[in-house]
C-alpha atoms as a PDB file:
ATOM      1  CA  MET A   1       7.290  -3.754 -18.884  1.00  0.00           C
ATOM      2  CA  LEU A   2       9.285  -6.973 -18.461  1.00  0.00           C
ATOM      3  CA  THR A   3      12.643  -6.306 -16.852  1.00  0.00           C
ATOM      4  CA  ASP A   4      15.564  -7.580 -14.830  1.00  0.00           C
ATOM      5  CA  GLY A   5      15.178  -4.307 -12.929  1.00  0.00           C
ATOM      6  CA  LYS A   6      18.454  -2.707 -13.982  1.00  0.00           C
ATOM      7  CA  PRO A   7      18.279   0.685 -15.653  1.00  0.00           C
ATOM      8  CA  SER A   8      21.298   0.748 -17.949  1.00  0.00           C
ATOM      9  CA  ALA A   9      20.862   3.440 -20.634  1.00  0.00           C
ATOM     10  CA  LEU A  10      19.417   6.859 -21.352  1.00  0.00           C
ATOM     11  CA  THR A  11      19.210   9.277 -24.264  1.00  0.00           C
ATOM     12  CA  ASP A  12      21.120  12.543 -23.702  1.00  0.00           C
ATOM     13  CA  SER A  13      19.569  15.883 -24.639  1.00  0.00           C
ATOM     14  CA  ASP A  14      21.705  15.854 -27.814  1.00  0.00           C
ATOM     15  CA  GLY A  15      20.197  12.501 -28.860  1.00  0.00           C
ATOM     16  CA  ARG A  16      23.209  10.364 -28.005  1.00  0.00           C
ATOM     17  CA  ILE A  17      22.672   7.164 -26.054  1.00  0.00           C
ATOM     18  CA  TYR A  18      24.564   6.846 -22.778  1.00  0.00           C
ATOM     19  CA  LYS A  19      25.014   3.235 -21.610  1.00  0.00           C
ATOM     20  CA  ASN A  20      26.389   1.794 -18.404  1.00  0.00           C
ATOM     21  CA  ALA A  21      26.190  -1.978 -18.077  1.00  0.00           C
ATOM     22  CA  PHE A  22      28.254  -2.024 -14.875  1.00  0.00           C
ATOM     23  CA  GLY A  23      26.596  -1.450 -11.509  1.00  0.00           C
ATOM     24  CA  VAL A  24      23.695   0.898 -10.883  1.00  0.00           C
ATOM     25  CA  ASP A  25      24.383   4.334 -12.374  1.00  0.00           C
ATOM     26  CA  GLU A  26      22.619   7.116 -10.443  1.00  0.00           C
ATOM     27  CA  GLN A  27      22.439   9.292 -13.569  1.00  0.00           C
ATOM     28  CA  VAL A  28      20.469   6.575 -15.363  1.00  0.00           C
ATOM     29  CA  VAL A  29      18.376   5.806 -12.256  1.00  0.00           C
ATOM     30  CA  ASN A  30      17.400   9.451 -11.798  1.00  0.00           C
ATOM     31  CA  LYS A  31      16.447   9.904 -15.454  1.00  0.00           C
ATOM     32  CA  THR A  32      14.402   6.698 -15.372  1.00  0.00           C
ATOM     33  CA  LEU A  33      12.543   7.846 -12.246  1.00  0.00           C
ATOM     34  CA  GLU A  34      11.874  11.233 -13.907  1.00  0.00           C
ATOM     35  CA  GLU A  35      10.332   9.391 -16.856  1.00  0.00           C
ATOM     36  CA  ALA A  36       8.168   7.307 -14.501  1.00  0.00           C
ATOM     37  CA  VAL A  37       6.827  10.528 -12.958  1.00  0.00           C
ATOM     38  CA  ALA A  38       6.278  12.065 -16.423  1.00  0.00           C
ATOM     39  CA  CYS A  39       4.262   9.005 -17.448  1.00  0.00           C
ATOM     40  CA  ARG A  40       2.196   9.248 -14.246  1.00  0.00           C
ATOM     41  CA  ARG A  41       1.442  12.919 -14.925  1.00  0.00           C
ATOM     42  CA  GLN A  42       0.257  11.984 -18.420  1.00  0.00           C
ATOM     43  CA  GLY A  43      -1.994   9.272 -17.014  1.00  0.00           C
ATOM     44  CA  ILE A  44       0.192   6.392 -18.218  1.00  0.00           C
ATOM     45  CA  PRO A  45       0.375   3.671 -15.564  1.00  0.00           C
ATOM     46  CA  ILE A  46       3.246   1.208 -15.846  1.00  0.00           C
ATOM     47  CA  THR A  47       2.950  -2.415 -14.767  1.00  0.00           C
ATOM     48  CA  THR A  48       6.307  -4.096 -14.280  1.00  0.00           C
ATOM     49  CA  PHE A  49       7.003  -7.831 -14.225  1.00  0.00           C
ATOM     50  CA  MET A  50      10.463  -8.353 -12.786  1.00  0.00           C
ATOM     51  CA  LEU A  51      12.440 -11.603 -12.985  1.00  0.00           C
ATOM     52  CA  THR A  52      15.129 -11.261 -10.336  1.00  0.00           C
ATOM     53  CA  GLU A  53      15.598 -11.290  -6.596  1.00  0.00           C
ATOM     54  CA  ASP A  54      18.628  -8.971  -6.459  1.00  0.00           C
ATOM     55  CA  PRO A  55      17.881  -6.609  -3.533  1.00  0.00           C
ATOM     56  CA  THR A  56      19.389  -3.556  -5.253  1.00  0.00           C
ATOM     57  CA  LEU A  57      17.311  -4.081  -8.383  1.00  0.00           C
ATOM     58  CA  VAL A  58      14.150  -4.859  -6.396  1.00  0.00           C
ATOM     59  CA  GLU A  59      14.669  -1.559  -4.532  1.00  0.00           C
ATOM     60  CA  PHE A  60      14.949   0.312  -7.838  1.00  0.00           C
ATOM     61  CA  VAL A  61      11.752  -1.255  -9.212  1.00  0.00           C
ATOM     62  CA  GLU A  62       9.965  -0.364  -5.964  1.00  0.00           C
ATOM     63  CA  ARG A  63      11.103   3.270  -6.346  1.00  0.00           C
ATOM     64  CA  PHE A  64      10.090   3.254 -10.023  1.00  0.00           C
ATOM     65  CA  THR A  65       6.672   1.763  -9.255  1.00  0.00           C
ATOM     66  CA  ALA A  66       6.056   4.250  -6.444  1.00  0.00           C
ATOM     67  CA  ALA A  67       7.069   7.190  -8.669  1.00  0.00           C
ATOM     68  CA  ASN A  68       4.653   6.034 -11.371  1.00  0.00           C
ATOM     69  CA  LYS A  69       1.994   4.842  -8.907  1.00  0.00           C
ATOM     70  CA  GLY A  70       1.889   1.719 -11.022  1.00  0.00           C
ATOM     71  CA  ARG A  71       2.043  -1.965 -10.268  1.00  0.00           C
ATOM     72  CA  ALA A  72       4.857  -4.466  -9.982  1.00  0.00           C
ATOM     73  CA  PHE A  73       5.099  -8.245 -10.001  1.00  0.00           C
ATOM     74  CA  TYR A  74       8.285  -9.801  -8.618  1.00  0.00           C
ATOM     75  CA  SER A  75       9.474 -13.345  -9.311  1.00  0.00           C
ATOM     76  CA  SER A  76      12.618 -15.357  -9.750  1.00  0.00           C
ATOM     77  CA  ALA A  77      13.133 -16.968 -13.147  1.00  0.00           C
ATOM     78  CA  ASP A  78      12.850 -20.452 -11.667  1.00  0.00           C
ATOM     79  CA  ALA A  79       9.646 -19.696  -9.712  1.00  0.00           C
ATOM     80  CA  VAL A  80       7.456 -17.685 -12.062  1.00  0.00           C
ATOM     81  CA  GLU A  81       4.364 -19.416 -10.714  1.00  0.00           C
ATOM     82  CA  SER A  82       4.954 -17.737  -7.322  1.00  0.00           C
ATOM     83  CA  PHE A  83       5.137 -13.942  -7.379  1.00  0.00           C
ATOM     84  CA  VAL A  84       4.734 -10.912  -5.174  1.00  0.00           C
ATOM     85  CA  PHE A  85       2.357  -8.241  -6.463  1.00  0.00           C
ATOM     86  CA  VAL A  86       2.728  -4.624  -5.358  1.00  0.00           C
ATOM     87  CA  ASP A  87      -0.062  -2.183  -6.107  1.00  0.00           C
ATOM     88  CA  PHE A  88       0.880   1.414  -5.381  1.00  0.00           C
ATOM     89  CA  LEU A  89      -2.491   2.613  -6.694  1.00  0.00           C
ATOM     90  CA  ARG A  90      -4.261   0.887  -3.829  1.00  0.00           C
ATOM     91  CA  ASN A  91      -1.245   0.974  -1.482  1.00  0.00           C
ATOM     92  CA  ARG A  92      -1.201  -2.714  -0.671  1.00  0.00           C
ATOM     93  CA  LYS A  93       1.056  -5.727  -0.972  1.00  0.00           C
ATOM     94  CA  ARG A  94       0.132  -9.385  -1.214  1.00  0.00           C
ATOM     95  CA  ARG A  95       1.888 -12.657  -1.947  1.00  0.00           C
ATOM     96  CA  GLN A  96       0.509 -15.173  -4.469  1.00  0.00           C
ATOM     97  CA  ARG A  97       1.147 -18.920  -4.287  1.00  0.00           C
END
């Protein structure tokens, strides 16, 4: 998954799409984390490559990655060659240069 780290939409139980482009919406965050756990339970690991340094969005991707027990790469758009890799499967963090 390539992302800016901001969960901004979900599909309601009636099939309608709920969108919130402003701020971080806890309803969307919670549903997204539930889906990360559902994927983990089905054996679907998610690797995320995130292009932002916004602390709020980094925190969300960390929560998402932990819930899925997946992996995450963090980088700014102007420094893609330098990233931080987080591996929740092996419970380690390292910095690449």
